[in-house]
Amino acid sequence: MLVVHLARGAGPGPARVGLIVSRRVGSAVVRNRVKRRLRHLVGSRLRDLPDGSLVVIRANPPAATASWEELGAALDAGLRATLGAPATLGRAAGAPRPGSTP
């Protein structure tokens, strides 16, 4: 549903994210809905990305019918695969790590 590419240390400053949602995903209304959802989901995960990294997220046609939860899970899986599975990815801010005692 999503393909995630990462370039580490591409330059100074915070991480930057680009979205690709082609016409194959659906009409303009559907593409814009997918982009809005992805922007919202990525916003909460930016702090987990290394400084200076460039991330490109490409949405495939199944993203058009995916729920918020499915898009979030696909995004987390793609980021984990490109980053090497950081423990904090996808957790809410301040949430305890899995397996830790509060």
C-alpha atoms as a PDB file:
ATOM      1  CA  MET A   1       0.000   0.000   0.000  1.00  0.00           C
ATOM      2  CA  LEU A   2       2.917   2.384   0.812  1.00  0.00           C
ATOM      3  CA  VAL A   3       6.535   2.417  -0.297  1.00  0.00           C
ATOM      4  CA  VAL A   4       8.942   4.377   1.919  1.00  0.00           C
ATOM      5  CA  HIS A   5      12.393   5.571   0.840  1.00  0.00           C
ATOM      6  CA  LEU A   6      14.914   7.220   3.171  1.00  0.00           C
ATOM      7  CA  ALA A   7      18.119   9.150   2.554  1.00  0.00           C
ATOM      8  CA  ARG A   8      20.013   9.700   5.822  1.00  0.00           C
ATOM      9  CA  GLY A   9      22.098  12.796   6.422  1.00  0.00           C
ATOM     10  CA  ALA A  10      21.040  14.434   3.159  1.00  0.00           C
ATOM     11  CA  GLY A  11      21.672  17.863   4.632  1.00  0.00           C
ATOM     12  CA  PRO A  12      21.481  20.019   7.731  1.00  0.00           C
ATOM     13  CA  GLY A  13      18.222  20.736   9.490  1.00  0.00           C
ATOM     14  CA  PRO A  14      15.164  18.729  10.380  1.00  0.00           C
ATOM     15  CA  ALA A  15      13.871  15.712   8.502  1.00  0.00           C
ATOM     16  CA  ARG A  16      11.835  16.447   5.388  1.00  0.00           C
ATOM     17  CA  VAL A  17       9.076  14.323   3.882  1.00  0.00           C
ATOM     18  CA  GLY A  18       7.719  14.173   0.343  1.00  0.00           C
ATOM     19  CA  LEU A  19       4.550  12.408  -0.758  1.00  0.00           C
ATOM     20  CA  ILE A  20       3.844  10.805  -4.127  1.00  0.00           C
ATOM     21  CA  VAL A  21       0.234   9.936  -4.898  1.00  0.00           C
ATOM     22  CA  SER A  22      -0.233   9.197  -8.596  1.00  0.00           C
ATOM     23  CA  ARG A  23      -3.409   9.249 -10.669  1.00  0.00           C
ATOM     24  CA  ARG A  24      -3.529   5.466 -10.436  1.00  0.00           C
ATOM     25  CA  VAL A  25      -4.641   5.892  -6.801  1.00  0.00           C
ATOM     26  CA  GLY A  26      -7.908   7.540  -7.856  1.00  0.00           C
ATOM     27  CA  SER A  27      -9.597  10.801  -8.706  1.00  0.00           C
ATOM     28  CA  ALA A  28      -8.269  14.144  -7.494  1.00  0.00           C
ATOM     29  CA  VAL A  29     -10.604  14.001  -4.491  1.00  0.00           C
ATOM     30  CA  VAL A  30      -9.312  10.561  -3.487  1.00  0.00           C
ATOM     31  CA  ARG A  31      -5.651  11.501  -4.054  1.00  0.00           C
ATOM     32  CA  ASN A  32      -6.011  14.632  -1.933  1.00  0.00           C
ATOM     33  CA  ARG A  33      -7.701  12.639   0.857  1.00  0.00           C
ATOM     34  CA  VAL A  34      -4.803  10.151   0.848  1.00  0.00           C
ATOM     35  CA  LYS A  35      -2.279  13.020   0.948  1.00  0.00           C
ATOM     36  CA  ARG A  36      -4.091  14.745   3.829  1.00  0.00           C
ATOM     37  CA  ARG A  37      -4.187  11.522   5.824  1.00  0.00           C
ATOM     38  CA  LEU A  38      -0.519  10.786   5.172  1.00  0.00           C
ATOM     39  CA  ARG A  39       0.532  14.349   6.109  1.00  0.00           C
ATOM     40  CA  HIS A  40      -1.333  14.017   9.391  1.00  0.00           C
ATOM     41  CA  LEU A  41       0.145  10.576  10.133  1.00  0.00           C
ATOM     42  CA  VAL A  42       3.697  11.638   9.223  1.00  0.00           C
ATOM     43  CA  GLY A  43       3.482  14.773  11.359  1.00  0.00           C
ATOM     44  CA  SER A  44       3.325  12.773  14.571  1.00  0.00           C
ATOM     45  CA  ARG A  45       6.286  10.621  13.479  1.00  0.00           C
ATOM     46  CA  LEU A  46       8.698  13.372  12.367  1.00  0.00           C
ATOM     47  CA  ARG A  47      10.410  13.481  15.775  1.00  0.00           C
ATOM     48  CA  ASP A  48      11.419   9.817  15.288  1.00  0.00           C
ATOM     49  CA  LEU A  49      13.284  10.550  12.050  1.00  0.00           C
ATOM     50  CA  PRO A  50      17.001  11.369  12.061  1.00  0.00           C
ATOM     51  CA  ASP A  51      17.899  15.033  11.551  1.00  0.00           C
ATOM     52  CA  GLY A  52      18.725  15.890   7.970  1.00  0.00           C
ATOM     53  CA  SER A  53      17.012  12.842   6.521  1.00  0.00           C
ATOM     54  CA  LEU A  54      14.826  12.915   3.446  1.00  0.00           C
ATOM     55  CA  VAL A  55      11.827  10.596   3.356  1.00  0.00           C
ATOM     56  CA  VAL A  56       9.723   9.880   0.276  1.00  0.00           C
ATOM     57  CA  ILE A  57       6.430   8.053   0.701  1.00  0.00           C
ATOM     58  CA  ARG A  58       4.704   6.654  -2.385  1.00  0.00           C
ATOM     59  CA  ALA A  59       1.068   5.641  -2.060  1.00  0.00           C
ATOM     60  CA  ASN A  60      -0.121   2.716  -4.182  1.00  0.00           C
ATOM     61  CA  PRO A  61      -3.785   2.239  -5.266  1.00  0.00           C
ATOM     62  CA  PRO A  62      -4.815   0.239  -2.130  1.00  0.00           C
ATOM     63  CA  ALA A  63      -4.150   3.398  -0.064  1.00  0.00           C
ATOM     64  CA  ALA A  64      -7.331   4.897  -1.552  1.00  0.00           C
ATOM     65  CA  THR A  65      -9.584   2.486   0.352  1.00  0.00           C
ATOM     66  CA  ALA A  66      -7.434   2.017   3.460  1.00  0.00           C
ATOM     67  CA  SER A  67      -8.629   3.116   6.881  1.00  0.00           C
ATOM     68  CA  TRP A  68      -6.639   5.484   9.103  1.00  0.00           C
ATOM     69  CA  GLU A  69      -5.415   2.506  11.122  1.00  0.00           C
ATOM     70  CA  GLU A  70      -4.304   0.606   8.022  1.00  0.00           C
ATOM     71  CA  LEU A  71      -2.454   3.638   6.634  1.00  0.00           C
ATOM     72  CA  GLY A  72      -0.780   4.232   9.998  1.00  0.00           C
ATOM     73  CA  ALA A  73       0.275   0.591  10.276  1.00  0.00           C
ATOM     74  CA  ALA A  74       1.635   0.608   6.707  1.00  0.00           C
ATOM     75  CA  LEU A  75       3.527   3.840   7.374  1.00  0.00           C
ATOM     76  CA  ASP A  76       5.007   2.494  10.607  1.00  0.00           C
ATOM     77  CA  ALA A  77       6.051  -0.728   8.881  1.00  0.00           C
ATOM     78  CA  GLY A  78       7.704   1.187   6.044  1.00  0.00           C
ATOM     79  CA  LEU A  79       9.539   3.541   8.401  1.00  0.00           C
ATOM     80  CA  ARG A  80      10.666   0.646  10.607  1.00  0.00           C
ATOM     81  CA  ALA A  81      12.025  -1.160   7.548  1.00  0.00           C
ATOM     82  CA  THR A  82      13.985   1.877   6.354  1.00  0.00           C
ATOM     83  CA  LEU A  83      15.191   3.007   9.781  1.00  0.00           C
ATOM     84  CA  GLY A  84      16.127  -0.390  11.169  1.00  0.00           C
ATOM     85  CA  ALA A  85      13.185  -0.820  13.600  1.00  0.00           C
ATOM     86  CA  PRO A  86      13.595   1.923  16.220  1.00  0.00           C
ATOM     87  CA  ALA A  87      11.734   1.090  19.417  1.00  0.00           C
ATOM     88  CA  THR A  88       9.917   4.447  19.598  1.00  0.00           C
ATOM     89  CA  LEU A  89       8.388   4.523  16.126  1.00  0.00           C
ATOM     90  CA  GLY A  90       4.622   4.770  16.136  1.00  0.00           C
ATOM     91  CA  ARG A  91       4.239   5.247  19.916  1.00  0.00           C
ATOM     92  CA  ALA A  92       2.285   8.172  21.225  1.00  0.00           C
ATOM     93  CA  ALA A  93       4.375  10.893  22.837  1.00  0.00           C
ATOM     94  CA  GLY A  94       5.074   9.993  26.435  1.00  0.00           C
ATOM     95  CA  ALA A  95       3.774   6.429  26.097  1.00  0.00           C
ATOM     96  CA  PRO A  96       5.877   3.785  27.832  1.00  0.00           C
ATOM     97  CA  ARG A  97       7.937   1.411  25.736  1.00  0.00           C
ATOM     98  CA  PRO A  98       6.465  -2.053  25.288  1.00  0.00           C
ATOM     99  CA  GLY A  99       7.683  -4.336  28.052  1.00  0.00           C
ATOM    100  CA  SER A 100       8.750  -1.502  30.344  1.00  0.00           C
ATOM    101  CA  THR A 101       7.259  -0.859  33.754  1.00  0.00           C
ATOM    102  CA  PRO A 102       5.613   2.524  34.292  1.00  0.00           C
END
